[in-house]
Amino acid sequence: MARLVALALPPGPGFVDALRAAWDDGDAVLPVDLRLPPPARSALVEAMRPAVLVTPDGRQARSGGIGVADGDAVVVPTSGTTGTPKGVVLTHDAMEASALATSARLAVDPARDRWVACLPFAHIGGLAVVMRALITGTPVDVLEAFDPDEVEVRARAGATLVSLVATALQRTDTSGYRAVLLGGAAPPSGLPANVITTYGMTETGSGVVYDGLPLDGVEVAIGDGRRGRAGEILVRCPMLLRAYRMGTGIRGEPGEVDPLMPGGWFATGDGGSVGEDGLLTVHGRLAEVIVTGGEKVWPAPVEAAIRLHPGVSEVAVWKRPDPEWGERVVAWVVPTDPAASPSTEELREHVRATLPPWCAPKEVVVVDGLPRTPSGKVRRTLLR
């Protein structure tokens, strides 16, 4: 049985060398996020039970390590999880399918193109860039951390491809890149022509839908209550995870859980729809639907509308209990000018100009910043 090797290393060439060495030995890799506080890092390692731990100080064997199946490539902790740690097990076959489909859609030529890897390797958005570069033989520049100036410098030096999240895109001039993959949080409006919005998750081995169109080999369906929840996005493709590796806590061995539905479909937990043109529209997490007065409100469209107001720099929409409506729509707003924040009524009128009236926020909370995950997604559960 193959071993699980935990890489508690900073992003950079050393991480890539360690990843390649583990694969050459037939082992799988668990990336450990060094930005986590030490107790959280230790809890992740203890739950996932790797046989080897690699740190900047060296490589050490760990007693009680639990192996992985032959052919497993990585075990990636899912972002934003709480409670018992959970790892997404992706095979070499899945990552090869992801790399080849992405490269085909982008018409990547290893002789002319070069990737820049600047997102955290502990998350699939950053790790996938390195893995697809290794699999396809495409050169890659690995940055130790996201630096907008350095990302721009690499483009001037000949890099052509980069993957970013929305917050990073807004801080960077990406005009020098042939293509920019944008994942994570909902995209801002007015994207440059070279930016491609992607939909995917750790369980799909990175993005599998580009600008609404599934990659080759990817099937997308919408649940109807018999197969998946009504309105839920379902995905079937060779990039899907093999299993979840579940930490069992105090007593011991991680177990594995097969998350796939009959027929090989994966229920994403996201709501969406497919138009007559075959393009996927993602509405948001099903768990994030706001039900106010019997009407359903998705936060993402409301955020997009409010974001167009000149007085708004950032916005997150979530809910609070309401004695009359059940739940009320609330907007947490970072104003462009803290001394002149837009009023609640002003933003309500702004939203009602393009969306149904029940989407207009009944309350506006002015804040200095929004809580986000490392991949840029707003942590709505921390909005109070």
Protein backbone atom coordinates (compact mmCIF):
# COMPACT_ATOMS: atom_id res chain seq x y z
CA MET A 1 0.00 0.00 0.00
CA ALA A 2 1.21 3.48 -0.84
CA ARG A 3 2.08 5.96 1.91
CA LEU A 4 0.59 9.36 2.66
CA VAL A 5 3.30 12.04 2.87
CA ALA A 6 2.37 15.30 4.62
CA LEU A 7 4.15 18.34 3.18
CA ALA A 8 4.29 21.07 5.81
CA LEU A 9 6.39 23.26 3.56
CA PRO A 10 6.05 26.85 2.36
CA PRO A 11 5.04 27.36 -1.28
CA GLY A 12 8.01 27.38 -3.57
CA PRO A 13 10.32 25.14 -5.56
CA GLY A 14 11.03 23.03 -2.47
CA PHE A 15 7.37 22.06 -2.22
CA VAL A 16 7.28 21.13 -5.90
CA ASP A 17 10.42 19.00 -5.55
CA ALA A 18 8.95 17.21 -2.54
CA LEU A 19 5.68 16.60 -4.39
CA ARG A 20 7.53 15.16 -7.38
CA ALA A 21 9.68 12.95 -5.12
CA ALA A 22 6.63 11.55 -3.34
CA TRP A 23 4.95 10.75 -6.65
CA ASP A 24 8.13 9.10 -7.93
CA ASP A 25 8.02 6.84 -4.86
CA GLY A 26 4.39 5.93 -5.56
CA ASP A 27 3.12 7.90 -2.55
CA ALA A 28 0.32 10.44 -2.17
CA VAL A 29 0.71 13.93 -0.71
CA LEU A 30 -1.21 15.80 2.00
CA PRO A 31 -0.52 19.57 1.75
CA VAL A 32 -0.49 21.22 5.17
CA ASP A 33 -1.31 24.91 5.35
CA LEU A 34 1.44 26.66 7.33
CA ARG A 35 -0.86 29.65 7.87
CA LEU A 36 -2.90 27.55 10.29
CA PRO A 37 -2.03 27.97 13.96
CA PRO A 38 0.14 25.12 15.29
CA PRO A 39 -2.72 23.36 17.16
CA ALA A 40 -4.85 23.28 13.97
CA ARG A 41 -1.91 21.95 11.94
CA SER A 42 -1.29 19.23 14.50
CA ALA A 43 -4.98 18.29 14.56
CA LEU A 44 -5.03 17.92 10.77
CA VAL A 45 -1.94 15.72 10.73
CA GLU A 46 -3.20 13.57 13.58
CA ALA A 47 -6.57 13.10 11.89
CA MET A 48 -5.19 12.26 8.43
CA ARG A 49 -2.46 9.94 9.83
CA PRO A 50 0.33 10.35 7.25
CA ALA A 51 3.27 7.95 7.40
CA VAL A 52 5.79 10.70 6.69
CA LEU A 53 5.92 14.38 7.66
CA VAL A 54 8.15 16.74 5.68
CA THR A 55 8.94 20.12 7.25
CA PRO A 56 11.57 22.79 6.52
CA ASP A 57 13.66 21.04 9.19
CA GLY A 58 13.63 17.71 7.38
CA ARG A 59 11.75 14.48 6.78
CA GLN A 60 10.52 12.22 9.55
CA ALA A 61 8.63 8.95 9.69
CA ARG A 62 5.53 8.87 11.88
CA SER A 63 4.35 5.85 13.78
CA GLY A 64 0.79 4.72 13.13
CA GLY A 65 0.62 6.15 9.63
CA ILE A 66 -2.27 4.87 7.54
CA GLY A 67 -1.67 4.17 3.87
CA VAL A 68 -3.56 5.22 0.79
CA ALA A 69 -4.66 3.21 -2.23
CA ASP A 70 -2.24 2.69 -5.09
CA GLY A 71 -2.90 5.38 -7.66
CA ASP A 72 -3.88 8.09 -5.16
CA ALA A 73 -2.11 11.37 -5.88
CA VAL A 74 -3.20 13.86 -3.22
CA VAL A 75 -5.38 14.17 -0.15
CA VAL A 76 -6.52 17.79 0.00
CA PRO A 77 -8.23 19.20 3.11
CA THR A 78 -11.46 20.92 2.15
CA SER A 79 -11.58 24.67 2.82
CA GLY A 80 -13.97 26.12 5.34
CA THR A 81 -14.61 22.87 7.16
CA THR A 82 -15.23 22.62 10.87
CA GLY A 83 -15.21 19.74 13.32
CA THR A 84 -13.58 16.48 12.24
CA PRO A 85 -11.01 17.10 9.48
CA LYS A 86 -11.86 15.69 6.06
CA GLY A 87 -9.56 15.13 3.12
CA VAL A 88 -10.52 14.84 -0.54
CA VAL A 89 -8.73 11.90 -2.15
CA LEU A 90 -7.83 12.56 -5.79
CA THR A 91 -6.13 9.95 -7.95
CA HIS A 92 -3.43 10.39 -10.57
CA ASP A 93 -6.01 9.49 -13.21
CA ALA A 94 -8.33 12.23 -11.96
CA MET A 95 -5.59 14.85 -11.92
CA GLU A 96 -4.39 13.82 -15.38
CA ALA A 97 -7.95 14.16 -16.70
CA SER A 98 -8.18 17.61 -15.11
CA ALA A 99 -4.82 18.73 -16.49
CA LEU A 100 -5.53 17.51 -20.02
CA ALA A 101 -9.07 18.95 -20.16
CA THR A 102 -7.91 22.32 -18.84
CA SER A 103 -4.97 22.43 -21.25
CA ALA A 104 -7.20 21.49 -24.18
CA ARG A 105 -9.74 24.22 -23.39
CA LEU A 106 -6.97 26.82 -23.04
CA ALA A 107 -5.02 25.49 -26.05
CA VAL A 108 -1.90 25.26 -23.87
CA ASP A 109 1.36 24.73 -25.74
CA PRO A 110 4.19 23.67 -23.37
CA ALA A 111 6.71 25.10 -25.85
CA ARG A 112 5.17 28.57 -25.67
CA ASP A 113 3.13 28.83 -22.49
CA ARG A 114 4.20 29.13 -18.87
CA TRP A 115 2.08 29.02 -15.73
CA VAL A 116 2.49 31.17 -12.64
CA ALA A 117 1.55 29.45 -9.37
CA CYS A 118 0.82 32.07 -6.72
CA LEU A 119 -2.14 30.74 -4.72
CA PRO A 120 -1.78 28.60 -1.56
CA PHE A 121 -0.82 25.00 -2.27
CA ALA A 122 -2.98 23.79 0.64
CA HIS A 123 -6.03 24.47 -1.55
CA ILE A 124 -6.90 22.93 -4.88
CA GLY A 125 -6.85 26.24 -6.76
CA GLY A 126 -3.14 26.67 -6.13
CA LEU A 127 -2.11 23.03 -6.03
CA ALA A 128 -3.82 22.21 -9.34
CA VAL A 129 -1.62 24.71 -11.20
CA VAL A 130 1.52 22.88 -10.10
CA MET A 131 0.05 19.44 -10.76
CA ARG A 132 -1.17 20.27 -14.27
CA ALA A 133 2.22 21.80 -15.07
CA LEU A 134 4.00 18.61 -13.93
CA ILE A 135 1.54 16.34 -15.77
CA THR A 136 1.65 18.21 -19.08
CA GLY A 137 5.30 19.26 -18.98
CA THR A 138 4.38 22.94 -19.09
CA PRO A 139 6.87 25.27 -17.39
CA VAL A 140 5.71 26.88 -14.16
CA ASP A 141 6.99 29.79 -12.07
CA VAL A 142 6.30 29.10 -8.40
CA LEU A 143 5.93 32.12 -6.13
CA GLU A 144 6.39 31.80 -2.37
CA ALA A 145 3.31 34.00 -1.80
CA PHE A 146 0.87 36.07 -3.81
CA ASP A 147 2.48 39.38 -4.71
CA PRO A 148 0.66 41.47 -7.34
CA ASP A 149 3.86 43.19 -8.43
CA GLU A 150 5.65 39.88 -8.89
CA VAL A 151 2.69 38.41 -10.80
CA GLU A 152 2.91 41.35 -13.20
CA VAL A 153 6.69 40.96 -13.50
CA ARG A 154 6.34 37.30 -14.47
CA ALA A 155 4.01 38.23 -17.31
CA ARG A 156 6.54 40.69 -18.65
CA ALA A 157 9.14 37.92 -18.43
CA GLY A 158 7.06 35.61 -20.61
CA ALA A 159 4.54 33.86 -18.35
CA THR A 160 1.21 33.44 -20.14
CA LEU A 161 -1.17 31.67 -17.73
CA VAL A 162 -2.17 32.33 -14.13
CA SER A 163 -4.91 31.25 -11.74
CA LEU A 164 -6.31 33.81 -9.28
CA VAL A 165 -9.18 34.45 -6.90
CA ALA A 166 -11.30 37.59 -7.11
CA THR A 167 -9.49 39.51 -4.36
CA ALA A 168 -6.12 38.85 -6.04
CA LEU A 169 -7.45 39.81 -9.47
CA GLN A 170 -8.65 43.17 -8.20
CA ARG A 171 -5.13 43.98 -6.97
CA THR A 172 -3.26 42.92 -10.09
CA ASP A 173 -2.78 44.13 -13.64
CA THR A 174 -3.23 40.89 -15.58
CA SER A 175 -3.29 42.41 -19.05
CA GLY A 176 0.02 40.74 -19.87
CA TYR A 177 -1.39 37.22 -19.57
CA ARG A 178 -2.93 35.25 -22.39
CA ALA A 179 -5.46 33.68 -20.02
CA VAL A 180 -6.39 34.18 -16.38
CA LEU A 181 -8.43 31.49 -14.61
CA LEU A 182 -10.65 33.00 -11.94
CA GLY A 183 -12.09 30.81 -9.19
CA GLY A 184 -13.11 30.98 -5.55
CA ALA A 185 -15.60 33.72 -4.77
CA ALA A 186 -18.19 35.16 -7.13
CA PRO A 187 -16.48 37.15 -9.91
CA PRO A 188 -16.60 40.94 -9.96
CA SER A 189 -18.32 42.73 -12.81
CA GLY A 190 -16.55 44.12 -15.85
CA LEU A 191 -13.96 41.37 -16.25
CA PRO A 192 -11.18 41.81 -18.83
CA ALA A 193 -11.45 39.70 -21.99
CA ASN A 194 -8.57 37.43 -20.97
CA VAL A 195 -10.26 36.38 -17.68
CA ILE A 196 -12.11 33.04 -17.66
CA THR A 197 -14.49 32.37 -14.79
CA THR A 198 -14.35 28.80 -13.51
CA TYR A 199 -16.70 26.63 -11.49
CA GLY A 200 -15.40 23.69 -9.53
CA MET A 201 -14.27 22.59 -6.10
CA THR A 202 -11.76 20.41 -4.36
CA GLU A 203 -13.93 17.37 -5.08
CA THR A 204 -13.75 18.01 -8.84
CA GLY A 205 -9.98 18.44 -8.87
CA SER A 206 -10.24 22.19 -9.66
CA GLY A 207 -12.49 23.98 -12.15
CA VAL A 208 -14.59 21.83 -14.49
CA VAL A 209 -16.83 24.53 -16.02
CA TYR A 210 -15.24 27.49 -17.83
CA ASP A 211 -17.38 30.55 -18.54
CA GLY A 212 -20.46 28.39 -18.02
CA LEU A 213 -19.38 25.65 -20.45
CA PRO A 214 -18.30 22.24 -19.07
CA LEU A 215 -14.84 21.01 -20.03
CA ASP A 216 -14.57 18.05 -22.37
CA GLY A 217 -15.63 14.88 -20.56
CA VAL A 218 -17.63 16.78 -17.92
CA GLU A 219 -21.37 16.27 -17.56
CA VAL A 220 -23.55 18.70 -15.63
CA ALA A 221 -27.16 18.11 -14.59
CA ILE A 222 -29.64 19.80 -12.26
CA GLY A 223 -31.27 17.76 -9.53
CA ASP A 224 -35.02 17.25 -9.68
CA GLY A 225 -35.72 15.80 -6.23
CA ARG A 226 -35.44 12.21 -7.45
CA ARG A 227 -31.77 12.46 -8.37
CA GLY A 228 -30.27 15.07 -6.09
CA ARG A 229 -32.11 17.89 -4.40
CA ALA A 230 -34.30 20.05 -6.60
CA GLY A 231 -32.18 22.74 -8.22
CA GLU A 232 -28.86 21.20 -7.12
CA ILE A 233 -25.89 21.11 -9.51
CA LEU A 234 -24.76 17.54 -10.18
CA VAL A 235 -21.43 16.70 -11.82
CA ARG A 236 -20.11 13.52 -13.40
CA CYS A 237 -16.59 13.44 -14.82
CA PRO A 238 -13.26 11.60 -14.63
CA MET A 239 -11.83 14.38 -12.43
CA LEU A 240 -13.99 13.49 -9.44
CA LEU A 241 -12.57 12.44 -6.09
CA ARG A 242 -12.22 8.75 -5.27
CA ALA A 243 -13.30 9.14 -1.63
CA TYR A 244 -13.28 11.32 1.46
CA ARG A 245 -10.62 10.44 4.04
CA MET A 246 -12.29 11.03 7.39
CA GLY A 247 -10.36 11.71 10.57
CA THR A 248 -11.78 9.71 13.46
CA GLY A 249 -10.24 11.78 16.24
CA ILE A 250 -8.87 10.24 19.39
CA ARG A 251 -9.05 6.54 18.72
CA GLY A 252 -7.47 6.00 15.48
CA GLU A 253 -7.65 5.22 11.86
CA PRO A 254 -9.17 7.44 9.23
CA GLY A 255 -11.96 5.82 7.34
CA GLU A 256 -13.05 6.42 3.77
CA VAL A 257 -16.46 7.54 2.57
CA ASP A 258 -17.67 7.23 -1.01
CA PRO A 259 -19.67 10.41 -1.73
CA LEU A 260 -20.89 9.54 -5.22
CA MET A 261 -24.54 8.96 -6.07
CA PRO A 262 -25.77 6.04 -8.20
CA GLY A 263 -24.52 6.46 -11.73
CA GLY A 264 -21.35 8.20 -10.58
CA TRP A 265 -22.88 11.64 -10.02
CA PHE A 266 -21.53 14.02 -7.39
CA ALA A 267 -23.98 16.32 -5.62
CA THR A 268 -22.18 19.64 -5.25
CA GLY A 269 -24.46 21.30 -2.71
CA ASP A 270 -24.71 24.30 -5.03
CA GLY A 271 -27.88 25.54 -6.66
CA GLY A 272 -27.90 26.37 -10.35
CA SER A 273 -29.58 26.14 -13.71
CA VAL A 274 -28.63 25.29 -17.28
CA GLY A 275 -29.95 27.62 -19.97
CA GLU A 276 -31.12 26.79 -23.46
CA ASP A 277 -27.63 27.69 -24.64
CA GLY A 278 -26.23 24.90 -22.47
CA LEU A 279 -24.40 27.31 -20.16
CA LEU A 280 -24.41 26.72 -16.41
CA THR A 281 -25.46 29.52 -14.07
CA VAL A 282 -24.43 29.03 -10.45
CA HIS A 283 -26.81 30.56 -7.93
CA GLY A 284 -24.90 29.72 -4.75
CA ARG A 285 -24.84 27.20 -1.94
CA LEU A 286 -28.24 25.62 -1.31
CA ALA A 287 -27.61 26.08 2.40
CA GLU A 288 -27.26 29.82 1.80
CA VAL A 289 -30.70 30.43 0.31
CA ILE A 290 -32.57 33.09 2.24
CA VAL A 291 -36.30 32.45 2.59
CA THR A 292 -38.04 35.74 3.33
CA GLY A 293 -41.81 35.91 3.33
CA GLY A 294 -41.88 32.64 1.41
CA GLU A 295 -39.65 33.96 -1.37
CA LYS A 296 -36.20 32.51 -2.03
CA VAL A 297 -33.28 34.92 -2.33
CA TRP A 298 -29.80 33.87 -3.48
CA PRO A 299 -27.08 36.09 -1.96
CA ALA A 300 -24.84 36.18 -5.07
CA PRO A 301 -27.16 38.15 -7.44
CA VAL A 302 -27.95 40.65 -4.68
CA GLU A 303 -24.24 41.08 -3.97
CA ALA A 304 -23.57 41.60 -7.67
CA ALA A 305 -26.24 44.31 -7.84
CA ILE A 306 -25.02 46.12 -4.72
CA ARG A 307 -21.40 45.89 -5.85
CA LEU A 308 -22.28 48.12 -8.82
CA HIS A 309 -23.18 50.99 -6.49
CA PRO A 310 -20.33 53.54 -6.58
CA GLY A 311 -20.41 53.89 -2.80
CA VAL A 312 -19.70 50.18 -2.20
CA SER A 313 -16.21 48.70 -2.17
CA GLU A 314 -17.13 45.20 -0.94
CA VAL A 315 -20.38 43.53 0.04
CA ALA A 316 -21.65 40.27 1.47
CA VAL A 317 -25.33 39.36 1.72
CA TRP A 318 -26.65 37.00 4.38
CA LYS A 319 -29.64 36.75 6.68
CA ARG A 320 -30.93 37.41 10.16
CA PRO A 321 -34.06 36.04 11.84
CA ASP A 322 -37.11 38.20 11.38
CA PRO A 323 -40.34 37.87 13.41
CA GLU A 324 -42.51 38.92 10.47
CA TRP A 325 -40.71 37.54 7.40
CA GLY A 326 -38.99 34.51 8.92
CA GLU A 327 -35.64 35.68 7.60
CA ARG A 328 -34.61 39.10 6.35
CA VAL A 329 -32.00 39.94 3.75
CA VAL A 330 -29.04 41.79 5.28
CA ALA A 331 -26.11 43.41 3.44
CA TRP A 332 -22.72 43.81 5.11
CA VAL A 333 -21.06 46.67 3.23
CA VAL A 334 -17.52 48.00 3.10
CA PRO A 335 -18.04 51.56 1.81
CA THR A 336 -15.79 53.22 -0.72
CA ASP A 337 -15.70 56.25 1.55
CA PRO A 338 -16.23 55.42 5.25
CA ALA A 339 -17.41 58.97 5.83
CA ALA A 340 -20.21 58.67 3.26
CA SER A 341 -21.72 55.21 3.48
CA PRO A 342 -24.80 54.59 1.31
CA SER A 343 -28.03 54.39 3.28
CA THR A 344 -30.23 51.33 3.56
CA GLU A 345 -32.99 52.92 1.50
CA GLU A 346 -30.49 53.99 -1.15
CA LEU A 347 -29.22 50.43 -1.54
CA ARG A 348 -32.75 49.01 -1.46
CA GLU A 349 -33.74 51.24 -4.38
CA HIS A 350 -30.54 50.29 -6.18
CA VAL A 351 -31.33 46.57 -5.86
CA ARG A 352 -35.01 46.97 -6.75
CA ALA A 353 -33.99 48.56 -10.06
CA THR A 354 -32.77 45.17 -11.36
CA LEU A 355 -34.07 42.46 -9.00
CA PRO A 356 -37.44 41.53 -7.48
CA PRO A 357 -38.39 43.70 -4.50
CA TRP A 358 -37.98 40.89 -1.96
CA CYS A 359 -34.26 40.75 -2.84
CA ALA A 360 -33.69 44.28 -1.52
CA PRO A 361 -31.88 44.21 1.86
CA LYS A 362 -34.00 45.18 4.82
CA GLU A 363 -30.88 46.04 6.78
CA VAL A 364 -27.40 47.32 5.95
CA VAL A 365 -24.43 46.81 8.26
CA VAL A 366 -21.35 48.95 7.59
CA VAL A 367 -18.08 47.12 8.31
CA ASP A 368 -14.36 47.66 7.77
CA GLY A 369 -13.84 44.28 6.08
CA LEU A 370 -15.40 40.90 5.33
CA PRO A 371 -14.34 37.54 6.80
CA ARG A 372 -12.97 35.35 4.02
CA THR A 373 -11.42 31.94 3.54
CA PRO A 374 -7.90 31.72 2.07
CA SER A 375 -9.49 31.12 -1.35
CA GLY A 376 -11.39 34.41 -1.12
CA LYS A 377 -14.86 33.11 -0.31
CA VAL A 378 -16.88 35.09 2.21
CA ARG A 379 -17.46 33.17 5.44
CA ARG A 380 -21.13 34.03 5.83
CA THR A 381 -21.50 32.16 9.11
CA LEU A 382 -19.17 34.75 10.71
CA LEU A 383 -21.38 37.66 9.65
CA ARG A 384 -23.27 38.89 12.65
